[in-house]
N, C-alpha and C. Protein backbone atom coordinates (compact mmCIF):
# COMPACT_ATOMS: atom_id res chain seq x y z
N UNK A 1 202.67 122.36 76.86
CA UNK A 1 201.71 121.47 76.22
C UNK A 1 200.74 120.96 77.26
N UNK A 2 199.44 121.12 76.98
CA UNK A 2 198.41 120.65 77.90
C UNK A 2 198.04 119.23 77.54
N UNK A 3 198.00 118.41 78.56
CA UNK A 3 197.68 117.00 78.33
C UNK A 3 196.24 116.72 78.74
N UNK A 4 195.49 116.04 77.87
CA UNK A 4 194.11 115.66 78.18
C UNK A 4 194.12 114.50 79.15
N UNK A 5 193.15 114.52 80.04
CA UNK A 5 193.00 113.38 80.95
C UNK A 5 191.70 112.67 80.64
N UNK A 6 191.69 111.38 80.83
CA UNK A 6 190.48 110.59 80.60
C UNK A 6 190.23 110.31 79.14
N UNK A 7 189.18 109.54 78.92
CA UNK A 7 188.82 109.18 77.55
C UNK A 7 188.04 110.31 76.88
N UNK A 8 188.08 110.32 75.56
CA UNK A 8 187.29 111.26 74.79
C UNK A 8 185.83 110.82 74.89
N UNK A 9 184.97 111.78 75.16
CA UNK A 9 183.56 111.46 75.30
C UNK A 9 182.96 111.12 73.94
N UNK A 10 182.21 110.03 73.89
CA UNK A 10 181.56 109.58 72.67
C UNK A 10 180.35 110.48 72.41
N UNK A 11 180.45 111.28 71.37
CA UNK A 11 179.39 112.26 71.08
C UNK A 11 178.09 111.61 70.62
N UNK A 12 178.14 110.36 70.16
CA UNK A 12 176.93 109.72 69.65
C UNK A 12 176.14 108.98 70.73
N UNK A 13 176.73 108.85 71.91
CA UNK A 13 176.09 108.02 72.94
C UNK A 13 174.75 108.59 73.39
N UNK A 14 174.66 109.91 73.55
CA UNK A 14 173.40 110.51 73.97
C UNK A 14 172.28 110.17 72.98
N UNK A 15 172.58 110.34 71.70
CA UNK A 15 171.58 110.04 70.67
C UNK A 15 171.17 108.58 70.69
N UNK A 16 172.15 107.69 70.85
CA UNK A 16 171.83 106.25 70.89
C UNK A 16 170.95 105.94 72.09
N UNK A 17 171.31 106.46 73.25
CA UNK A 17 170.53 106.19 74.46
C UNK A 17 169.10 106.72 74.29
N UNK A 18 168.97 107.94 73.79
CA UNK A 18 167.63 108.53 73.63
C UNK A 18 166.80 107.76 72.61
N UNK A 19 167.42 107.30 71.53
CA UNK A 19 166.69 106.52 70.52
C UNK A 19 166.19 105.21 71.13
N UNK A 20 167.04 104.54 71.89
CA UNK A 20 166.63 103.28 72.53
C UNK A 20 165.56 103.56 73.58
N UNK A 21 165.73 104.62 74.36
CA UNK A 21 164.74 104.95 75.39
C UNK A 21 163.38 105.22 74.76
N UNK A 22 163.35 105.92 73.62
CA UNK A 22 162.06 106.17 72.94
C UNK A 22 161.42 104.85 72.52
N UNK A 23 162.22 103.95 71.96
CA UNK A 23 161.67 102.65 71.55
C UNK A 23 161.14 101.88 72.75
N UNK A 24 161.89 101.88 73.84
CA UNK A 24 161.46 101.13 75.03
C UNK A 24 160.22 101.74 75.65
N UNK A 25 160.13 103.06 75.69
CA UNK A 25 158.91 103.70 76.19
C UNK A 25 157.71 103.29 75.35
N UNK A 26 157.88 103.32 74.04
CA UNK A 26 156.78 102.97 73.15
C UNK A 26 156.40 101.50 73.28
N UNK A 27 157.39 100.64 73.40
CA UNK A 27 157.13 99.20 73.42
C UNK A 27 156.66 98.70 74.79
N UNK A 28 157.32 99.17 75.85
CA UNK A 28 157.06 98.63 77.19
C UNK A 28 156.31 99.58 78.11
N UNK A 29 156.28 100.85 77.79
CA UNK A 29 155.69 101.82 78.68
C UNK A 29 156.70 102.24 79.75
N UNK A 30 156.37 103.29 80.46
CA UNK A 30 157.29 103.84 81.45
C UNK A 30 157.59 102.84 82.57
N UNK A 31 156.55 102.20 83.08
CA UNK A 31 156.73 101.29 84.22
C UNK A 31 157.70 100.16 83.92
N UNK A 32 157.62 99.60 82.72
CA UNK A 32 158.44 98.43 82.37
C UNK A 32 159.75 98.78 81.67
N UNK A 33 159.97 100.07 81.41
CA UNK A 33 161.23 100.46 80.80
C UNK A 33 162.36 100.23 81.80
N UNK A 34 163.40 99.54 81.35
CA UNK A 34 164.54 99.21 82.21
C UNK A 34 165.76 100.00 81.78
N UNK A 35 166.37 100.70 82.72
CA UNK A 35 167.57 101.46 82.40
C UNK A 35 168.72 100.55 81.99
N UNK A 36 168.81 99.39 82.63
CA UNK A 36 169.86 98.44 82.27
C UNK A 36 169.69 97.96 80.83
N UNK A 37 168.44 97.67 80.45
CA UNK A 37 168.17 97.22 79.08
C UNK A 37 168.44 98.33 78.07
N UNK A 38 168.08 99.57 78.42
CA UNK A 38 168.35 100.71 77.53
C UNK A 38 169.85 100.86 77.33
N UNK A 39 170.60 100.84 78.42
CA UNK A 39 172.06 100.99 78.32
C UNK A 39 172.66 99.88 77.47
N UNK A 40 172.23 98.65 77.71
CA UNK A 40 172.78 97.51 76.97
C UNK A 40 172.50 97.64 75.47
N UNK A 41 171.25 97.92 75.13
CA UNK A 41 170.89 98.03 73.72
C UNK A 41 171.58 99.22 73.05
N UNK A 42 171.84 100.28 73.81
CA UNK A 42 172.52 101.46 73.26
C UNK A 42 174.02 101.25 73.15
N UNK A 43 174.50 100.12 73.66
CA UNK A 43 175.93 99.82 73.57
C UNK A 43 176.77 100.61 74.55
N UNK A 44 176.21 100.83 75.74
CA UNK A 44 176.94 101.58 76.76
C UNK A 44 176.71 100.94 78.11
N UNK A 45 177.08 101.63 79.16
CA UNK A 45 176.93 101.10 80.51
C UNK A 45 175.93 101.94 81.29
N UNK A 46 175.44 101.35 82.38
CA UNK A 46 174.54 102.12 83.25
C UNK A 46 175.23 103.34 83.84
N UNK A 47 176.51 103.23 84.29
CA UNK A 47 177.16 104.44 84.80
C UNK A 47 177.21 105.57 83.76
N UNK A 48 177.44 105.22 82.49
CA UNK A 48 177.45 106.24 81.44
C UNK A 48 176.07 106.88 81.30
N UNK A 49 175.03 106.06 81.41
CA UNK A 49 173.67 106.57 81.34
C UNK A 49 173.39 107.50 82.52
N UNK A 50 173.78 107.07 83.72
CA UNK A 50 173.54 107.86 84.92
C UNK A 50 174.35 109.16 84.95
N UNK A 51 175.47 109.21 84.25
CA UNK A 51 176.22 110.46 84.17
C UNK A 51 175.43 111.51 83.40
N UNK A 52 174.57 111.05 82.52
CA UNK A 52 173.79 111.97 81.70
C UNK A 52 172.42 112.26 82.29
N UNK A 53 171.77 111.25 82.84
CA UNK A 53 170.43 111.38 83.43
C UNK A 53 170.44 110.69 84.77
N UNK A 54 170.08 111.38 85.84
CA UNK A 54 170.18 110.79 87.18
C UNK A 54 169.20 109.65 87.46
N UNK A 55 168.16 109.52 86.67
CA UNK A 55 167.20 108.45 86.94
C UNK A 55 166.27 108.21 85.76
N UNK A 56 165.37 107.29 85.97
CA UNK A 56 164.44 106.86 84.93
C UNK A 56 163.53 108.01 84.47
N UNK A 57 163.01 108.78 85.42
CA UNK A 57 162.11 109.88 85.07
C UNK A 57 162.82 110.90 84.19
N UNK A 58 164.07 111.21 84.53
CA UNK A 58 164.82 112.20 83.74
C UNK A 58 165.12 111.68 82.34
N UNK A 59 165.48 110.38 82.24
CA UNK A 59 165.73 109.80 80.92
C UNK A 59 164.45 109.78 80.09
N UNK A 60 163.34 109.37 80.69
CA UNK A 60 162.07 109.32 79.97
C UNK A 60 161.67 110.72 79.50
N UNK A 61 161.86 111.72 80.36
CA UNK A 61 161.52 113.10 79.99
C UNK A 61 162.40 113.57 78.83
N UNK A 62 163.68 113.23 78.88
CA UNK A 62 164.60 113.62 77.81
C UNK A 62 164.24 112.90 76.50
N UNK A 63 163.84 111.64 76.61
CA UNK A 63 163.46 110.88 75.41
C UNK A 63 162.23 111.51 74.76
N UNK A 64 161.25 111.86 75.57
CA UNK A 64 160.04 112.49 75.03
C UNK A 64 160.40 113.85 74.43
N UNK A 65 161.23 114.62 75.12
CA UNK A 65 161.62 115.94 74.62
C UNK A 65 162.39 115.84 73.30
N UNK A 66 163.09 114.73 73.10
CA UNK A 66 163.91 114.58 71.90
C UNK A 66 163.12 114.15 70.67
N UNK A 67 161.86 113.81 70.89
CA UNK A 67 161.03 113.42 69.74
C UNK A 67 160.89 114.63 68.82
N UNK A 68 161.38 114.48 67.64
CA UNK A 68 161.31 115.58 66.69
C UNK A 68 160.28 115.23 65.65
N UNK A 69 159.26 116.04 65.58
CA UNK A 69 158.24 115.79 64.57
C UNK A 69 158.79 116.10 63.19
N UNK A 70 158.30 115.38 62.22
CA UNK A 70 158.72 115.63 60.85
C UNK A 70 158.37 117.07 60.50
N UNK A 71 159.30 117.70 59.81
CA UNK A 71 159.07 119.09 59.40
C UNK A 71 157.92 119.13 58.40
N UNK A 72 157.04 120.04 58.64
CA UNK A 72 155.88 120.18 57.78
C UNK A 72 156.17 121.19 56.66
N UNK A 73 155.75 120.86 55.47
CA UNK A 73 155.82 121.82 54.38
C UNK A 73 154.76 122.89 54.64
N UNK A 74 154.89 124.01 53.99
CA UNK A 74 153.88 125.06 54.14
C UNK A 74 152.54 124.49 53.74
N UNK A 75 151.50 124.76 54.53
CA UNK A 75 150.19 124.21 54.19
C UNK A 75 149.68 124.82 52.88
N UNK A 76 148.89 124.05 52.16
CA UNK A 76 148.34 124.59 50.92
C UNK A 76 147.44 125.79 51.21
N UNK A 77 147.21 126.59 50.18
CA UNK A 77 146.36 127.77 50.34
C UNK A 77 144.93 127.37 50.69
N UNK A 78 144.54 126.16 50.38
CA UNK A 78 143.19 125.66 50.64
C UNK A 78 143.15 125.06 52.05
N UNK A 79 142.45 125.69 52.99
CA UNK A 79 142.40 125.18 54.37
C UNK A 79 141.84 123.75 54.49
N UNK A 80 140.86 123.42 53.66
CA UNK A 80 140.32 122.06 53.71
C UNK A 80 141.40 121.05 53.31
N UNK A 81 142.11 121.31 52.23
CA UNK A 81 143.20 120.42 51.80
C UNK A 81 144.28 120.35 52.88
N UNK A 82 144.55 121.47 53.54
CA UNK A 82 145.54 121.50 54.62
C UNK A 82 145.09 120.63 55.79
N UNK A 83 143.78 120.64 56.10
CA UNK A 83 143.26 119.81 57.18
C UNK A 83 143.41 118.33 56.83
N UNK A 84 143.07 117.96 55.61
CA UNK A 84 143.24 116.57 55.19
C UNK A 84 144.70 116.17 55.28
N UNK A 85 145.61 117.03 54.81
CA UNK A 85 147.04 116.73 54.85
C UNK A 85 147.54 116.57 56.29
N UNK A 86 147.06 117.41 57.19
CA UNK A 86 147.46 117.31 58.59
C UNK A 86 146.96 116.01 59.21
N UNK A 87 145.76 115.60 58.88
CA UNK A 87 145.23 114.35 59.41
C UNK A 87 145.93 113.14 58.78
N UNK A 88 146.36 113.25 57.54
CA UNK A 88 147.15 112.18 56.92
C UNK A 88 148.49 112.05 57.65
N UNK A 89 149.11 113.18 57.96
CA UNK A 89 150.38 113.16 58.69
C UNK A 89 150.18 112.57 60.10
N UNK A 90 149.10 112.96 60.75
CA UNK A 90 148.78 112.41 62.07
C UNK A 90 148.62 110.89 62.00
N UNK A 91 147.87 110.42 60.99
CA UNK A 91 147.65 108.98 60.85
C UNK A 91 148.98 108.25 60.63
N UNK A 92 149.85 108.80 59.79
CA UNK A 92 151.16 108.17 59.58
C UNK A 92 151.93 108.09 60.89
N UNK A 93 151.94 109.17 61.64
CA UNK A 93 152.69 109.19 62.89
C UNK A 93 152.15 108.24 63.94
N UNK A 94 150.85 108.26 64.14
CA UNK A 94 150.25 107.45 65.20
C UNK A 94 150.16 105.98 64.81
N UNK A 95 150.33 105.68 63.52
CA UNK A 95 150.27 104.29 63.07
C UNK A 95 151.62 103.58 63.17
N UNK A 96 152.66 104.30 63.48
CA UNK A 96 153.98 103.67 63.62
C UNK A 96 153.95 102.70 64.79
N UNK A 97 154.73 101.64 64.70
CA UNK A 97 154.75 100.66 65.79
C UNK A 97 155.06 101.31 67.14
N UNK A 98 154.24 100.98 68.12
CA UNK A 98 154.46 101.45 69.48
C UNK A 98 153.89 102.80 69.82
N UNK A 99 153.42 103.55 68.82
CA UNK A 99 152.94 104.90 69.11
C UNK A 99 151.68 104.91 69.97
N UNK A 100 150.74 104.00 69.70
CA UNK A 100 149.53 103.98 70.53
C UNK A 100 149.85 103.55 71.95
N UNK A 101 150.80 102.63 72.11
CA UNK A 101 151.15 102.25 73.48
C UNK A 101 151.85 103.39 74.20
N UNK A 102 152.56 104.25 73.46
CA UNK A 102 153.18 105.43 74.07
C UNK A 102 152.10 106.39 74.53
N UNK A 103 151.05 106.56 73.73
CA UNK A 103 149.93 107.40 74.13
C UNK A 103 149.29 106.82 75.40
N UNK A 104 149.10 105.50 75.42
CA UNK A 104 148.54 104.85 76.61
C UNK A 104 149.41 105.08 77.83
N UNK A 105 150.72 105.02 77.65
CA UNK A 105 151.64 105.29 78.75
C UNK A 105 151.44 106.70 79.29
N UNK A 106 151.28 107.65 78.40
CA UNK A 106 151.11 109.04 78.83
C UNK A 106 149.82 109.24 79.62
N UNK A 107 148.84 108.37 79.40
CA UNK A 107 147.55 108.51 80.09
C UNK A 107 147.52 107.81 81.45
N UNK A 108 148.55 107.03 81.76
CA UNK A 108 148.56 106.31 83.03
C UNK A 108 148.84 107.28 84.20
N UNK A 109 148.21 107.00 85.31
CA UNK A 109 148.42 107.83 86.50
C UNK A 109 149.85 107.74 87.02
N UNK A 110 150.55 106.68 86.67
CA UNK A 110 151.92 106.49 87.17
C UNK A 110 152.97 107.22 86.32
N UNK A 111 152.57 107.81 85.21
CA UNK A 111 153.52 108.55 84.37
C UNK A 111 153.97 109.79 85.11
N UNK A 112 155.27 109.99 85.14
CA UNK A 112 155.84 111.16 85.82
C UNK A 112 155.27 112.44 85.20
N UNK A 113 154.88 113.40 86.02
CA UNK A 113 154.31 114.65 85.50
C UNK A 113 155.25 115.37 84.52
N UNK A 114 156.55 115.33 84.77
CA UNK A 114 157.51 115.99 83.87
C UNK A 114 157.52 115.33 82.50
N UNK A 115 157.43 114.01 82.47
CA UNK A 115 157.41 113.28 81.20
C UNK A 115 156.14 113.64 80.43
N UNK A 116 155.00 113.63 81.12
CA UNK A 116 153.73 113.97 80.49
C UNK A 116 153.75 115.41 79.97
N UNK A 117 154.27 116.32 80.77
CA UNK A 117 154.32 117.73 80.35
C UNK A 117 155.17 117.91 79.09
N UNK A 118 156.30 117.22 79.03
CA UNK A 118 157.15 117.34 77.84
C UNK A 118 156.49 116.69 76.62
N UNK A 119 155.82 115.57 76.83
CA UNK A 119 155.12 114.92 75.72
C UNK A 119 154.03 115.84 75.17
N UNK A 120 153.28 116.44 76.08
CA UNK A 120 152.24 117.37 75.64
C UNK A 120 152.84 118.55 74.89
N UNK A 121 153.93 119.10 75.41
CA UNK A 121 154.55 120.27 74.80
C UNK A 121 155.19 119.97 73.46
N UNK A 122 155.82 118.81 73.31
CA UNK A 122 156.59 118.50 72.11
C UNK A 122 155.79 117.75 71.04
N UNK A 123 154.76 117.01 71.45
CA UNK A 123 154.03 116.18 70.49
C UNK A 123 152.59 116.65 70.31
N UNK A 124 151.86 116.77 71.40
CA UNK A 124 150.43 117.08 71.32
C UNK A 124 150.18 118.54 70.94
N UNK A 125 150.78 119.47 71.66
CA UNK A 125 150.51 120.90 71.45
C UNK A 125 150.84 121.37 70.04
N UNK A 126 151.97 121.00 69.45
CA UNK A 126 152.24 121.48 68.08
C UNK A 126 151.18 121.02 67.07
N UNK A 127 150.75 119.78 67.19
CA UNK A 127 149.72 119.27 66.27
C UNK A 127 148.42 120.05 66.45
N UNK A 128 148.03 120.25 67.70
CA UNK A 128 146.79 120.99 67.98
C UNK A 128 146.88 122.43 67.46
N UNK A 129 148.05 123.05 67.62
CA UNK A 129 148.23 124.42 67.11
C UNK A 129 148.10 124.47 65.59
N UNK A 130 148.67 123.47 64.91
CA UNK A 130 148.58 123.44 63.44
C UNK A 130 147.13 123.27 62.98
N UNK A 131 146.40 122.35 63.62
CA UNK A 131 145.00 122.13 63.24
C UNK A 131 144.19 123.39 63.53
N UNK A 132 144.40 124.00 64.69
CA UNK A 132 143.68 125.22 65.04
C UNK A 132 143.99 126.33 64.03
N UNK A 133 145.23 126.47 63.62
CA UNK A 133 145.60 127.50 62.64
C UNK A 133 144.89 127.27 61.31
N UNK A 134 144.79 126.02 60.91
CA UNK A 134 144.08 125.69 59.66
C UNK A 134 142.61 126.09 59.78
N UNK A 135 141.99 125.72 60.89
CA UNK A 135 140.57 126.02 61.07
C UNK A 135 140.33 127.53 61.22
N UNK A 136 141.23 128.23 61.89
CA UNK A 136 141.10 129.69 62.00
C UNK A 136 141.20 130.35 60.62
N UNK A 137 142.11 129.83 59.80
CA UNK A 137 142.25 130.35 58.44
C UNK A 137 140.95 130.16 57.68
N UNK A 138 140.34 129.00 57.83
CA UNK A 138 139.06 128.74 57.17
C UNK A 138 137.98 129.68 57.69
N UNK A 139 138.01 129.95 59.00
CA UNK A 139 137.03 130.85 59.60
C UNK A 139 137.23 132.28 59.09
N UNK A 140 138.48 132.71 59.02
CA UNK A 140 138.78 134.08 58.58
C UNK A 140 138.40 134.31 57.12
N UNK A 141 138.45 133.28 56.32
CA UNK A 141 138.09 133.42 54.90
C UNK A 141 136.63 133.08 54.62
N UNK A 142 135.86 132.82 55.68
CA UNK A 142 134.44 132.57 55.53
C UNK A 142 134.09 131.18 55.03
N UNK A 143 135.03 130.25 55.10
CA UNK A 143 134.77 128.89 54.63
C UNK A 143 134.05 128.05 55.68
N UNK A 144 134.16 128.42 56.94
CA UNK A 144 133.39 127.78 58.02
C UNK A 144 132.74 128.88 58.84
N UNK A 145 131.77 128.52 59.67
CA UNK A 145 131.02 129.50 60.44
C UNK A 145 131.92 130.33 61.35
N UNK A 146 131.60 131.61 61.45
CA UNK A 146 132.37 132.53 62.30
C UNK A 146 132.28 132.15 63.77
N UNK A 147 131.17 131.51 64.17
CA UNK A 147 131.00 131.15 65.58
C UNK A 147 131.28 129.66 65.85
N UNK A 148 131.92 129.00 64.90
CA UNK A 148 132.23 127.57 65.05
C UNK A 148 133.13 127.34 66.26
N UNK A 149 132.87 126.26 66.99
CA UNK A 149 133.66 125.92 68.19
C UNK A 149 134.94 125.20 67.76
N UNK A 150 136.00 125.96 67.54
CA UNK A 150 137.24 125.40 67.02
C UNK A 150 137.95 124.55 68.06
N UNK A 151 137.82 124.88 69.32
CA UNK A 151 138.49 124.11 70.38
C UNK A 151 137.99 122.66 70.38
N UNK A 152 136.68 122.48 70.30
CA UNK A 152 136.11 121.13 70.26
C UNK A 152 136.45 120.46 68.94
N UNK A 153 136.45 121.21 67.86
CA UNK A 153 136.74 120.64 66.54
C UNK A 153 138.17 120.08 66.49
N UNK A 154 139.13 120.78 67.09
CA UNK A 154 140.51 120.30 67.11
C UNK A 154 140.57 118.94 67.81
N UNK A 155 139.89 118.83 68.94
CA UNK A 155 139.88 117.56 69.68
C UNK A 155 139.19 116.47 68.89
N UNK A 156 138.11 116.81 68.18
CA UNK A 156 137.41 115.82 67.37
C UNK A 156 138.31 115.24 66.28
N UNK A 157 139.17 116.08 65.73
CA UNK A 157 140.03 115.63 64.63
C UNK A 157 140.91 114.46 65.06
N UNK A 158 141.68 114.64 66.10
CA UNK A 158 142.60 113.56 66.51
C UNK A 158 141.94 112.60 67.49
N UNK A 159 141.01 113.08 68.29
CA UNK A 159 140.36 112.22 69.27
C UNK A 159 139.56 111.11 68.63
N UNK A 160 139.05 111.35 67.43
CA UNK A 160 138.29 110.31 66.76
C UNK A 160 139.17 109.10 66.44
N UNK A 161 140.47 109.35 66.19
CA UNK A 161 141.39 108.24 65.93
C UNK A 161 141.52 107.36 67.16
N UNK A 162 141.71 107.97 68.32
CA UNK A 162 141.91 107.21 69.55
C UNK A 162 140.64 106.45 69.93
N UNK A 163 139.48 107.09 69.76
CA UNK A 163 138.23 106.40 70.04
C UNK A 163 138.03 105.21 69.12
N UNK A 164 138.38 105.37 67.86
CA UNK A 164 138.28 104.27 66.91
C UNK A 164 139.24 103.16 67.27
N UNK A 165 140.45 103.52 67.69
CA UNK A 165 141.46 102.51 68.04
C UNK A 165 141.01 101.65 69.21
N UNK A 166 140.24 102.22 70.12
CA UNK A 166 139.71 101.43 71.24
C UNK A 166 138.59 100.50 70.81
N UNK A 167 137.86 100.89 69.79
CA UNK A 167 136.70 100.13 69.35
C UNK A 167 137.03 99.01 68.37
N UNK A 168 138.02 99.23 67.52
CA UNK A 168 138.35 98.25 66.49
C UNK A 168 139.81 98.41 66.08
N UNK A 169 140.42 97.35 65.61
CA UNK A 169 141.86 97.41 65.34
C UNK A 169 142.28 98.16 64.08
N UNK A 170 141.47 98.16 63.05
CA UNK A 170 141.89 98.76 61.79
C UNK A 170 141.18 100.09 61.56
N UNK A 171 141.91 101.08 61.06
CA UNK A 171 141.24 102.35 60.76
C UNK A 171 140.30 102.18 59.56
N UNK A 172 139.24 102.97 59.51
CA UNK A 172 138.36 102.88 58.35
C UNK A 172 139.09 103.39 57.11
N UNK A 173 138.70 102.92 55.95
CA UNK A 173 139.34 103.41 54.72
C UNK A 173 139.20 104.93 54.62
N UNK A 174 140.26 105.58 54.15
CA UNK A 174 140.26 107.02 53.92
C UNK A 174 139.91 107.82 55.17
N UNK A 175 140.40 107.38 56.32
CA UNK A 175 140.08 108.05 57.58
C UNK A 175 140.37 109.55 57.54
N UNK A 176 141.52 110.01 57.04
CA UNK A 176 141.78 111.45 57.06
C UNK A 176 140.73 112.27 56.29
N UNK A 177 140.39 111.79 55.08
CA UNK A 177 139.42 112.52 54.26
C UNK A 177 138.04 112.50 54.90
N UNK A 178 137.64 111.36 55.41
CA UNK A 178 136.31 111.23 56.02
C UNK A 178 136.20 112.07 57.29
N UNK A 179 137.25 112.08 58.09
CA UNK A 179 137.23 112.86 59.33
C UNK A 179 137.21 114.34 59.01
N UNK A 180 138.03 114.78 58.06
CA UNK A 180 138.06 116.19 57.67
C UNK A 180 136.69 116.61 57.15
N UNK A 181 136.06 115.78 56.33
CA UNK A 181 134.75 116.13 55.77
C UNK A 181 133.70 116.26 56.88
N UNK A 182 133.72 115.35 57.82
CA UNK A 182 132.74 115.40 58.91
C UNK A 182 132.93 116.63 59.79
N UNK A 183 134.18 116.89 60.18
CA UNK A 183 134.47 118.06 61.02
C UNK A 183 134.14 119.35 60.24
N UNK A 184 134.52 119.38 58.98
CA UNK A 184 134.27 120.57 58.15
C UNK A 184 132.77 120.87 58.09
N UNK A 185 131.96 119.85 57.84
CA UNK A 185 130.51 120.05 57.78
C UNK A 185 129.95 120.47 59.13
N UNK A 186 130.48 119.88 60.21
CA UNK A 186 130.02 120.23 61.56
C UNK A 186 130.30 121.70 61.88
N UNK A 187 131.33 122.27 61.27
CA UNK A 187 131.69 123.66 61.49
C UNK A 187 130.99 124.61 60.51
N UNK A 188 130.06 124.05 59.74
CA UNK A 188 129.35 124.87 58.75
C UNK A 188 130.14 125.08 57.49
N UNK A 189 131.06 124.16 57.22
CA UNK A 189 131.95 124.29 56.07
C UNK A 189 131.23 124.36 54.75
N UNK A 190 131.81 125.19 53.90
CA UNK A 190 131.26 125.37 52.55
C UNK A 190 132.33 125.05 51.55
């Protein structure tokens, strides 16, 4: 008979730590995120945290990597409707408490390169790929100009939200529809 040594590892602890770390990153930013506070709120100890992640940068990178975007339904056959739906989803996501401060954290020079790279790969890049795919579909079906600058258009879609957030606190009414209409027309949309 083989005897186990030590305590059984709590399988939920990683998830709890990562959930708390995501909240702390969003609320306080990387610089002010405290490993002791994360461990305490997650109901564990700092040694347990350090057994999993050797330091703050590694925990922050893991927290960013663990952000799972909501699964998207298949886009509608209408690329314009798909663009509006994608911008509605973007607005819901970026309007959650702490999301804009998380974006601000990612833009700081003090953000660890690994954390920024994972954030870009897990959060920014998938959204940009989806918007680009929608616009390419519109281009392929002749709904927008064949020579339309899709790279700039993708940035205009989400970048307009951030520019607006710096200028005023509340989004304009019907932001997704208005932004989609403006970008669509700029691309020669029909």
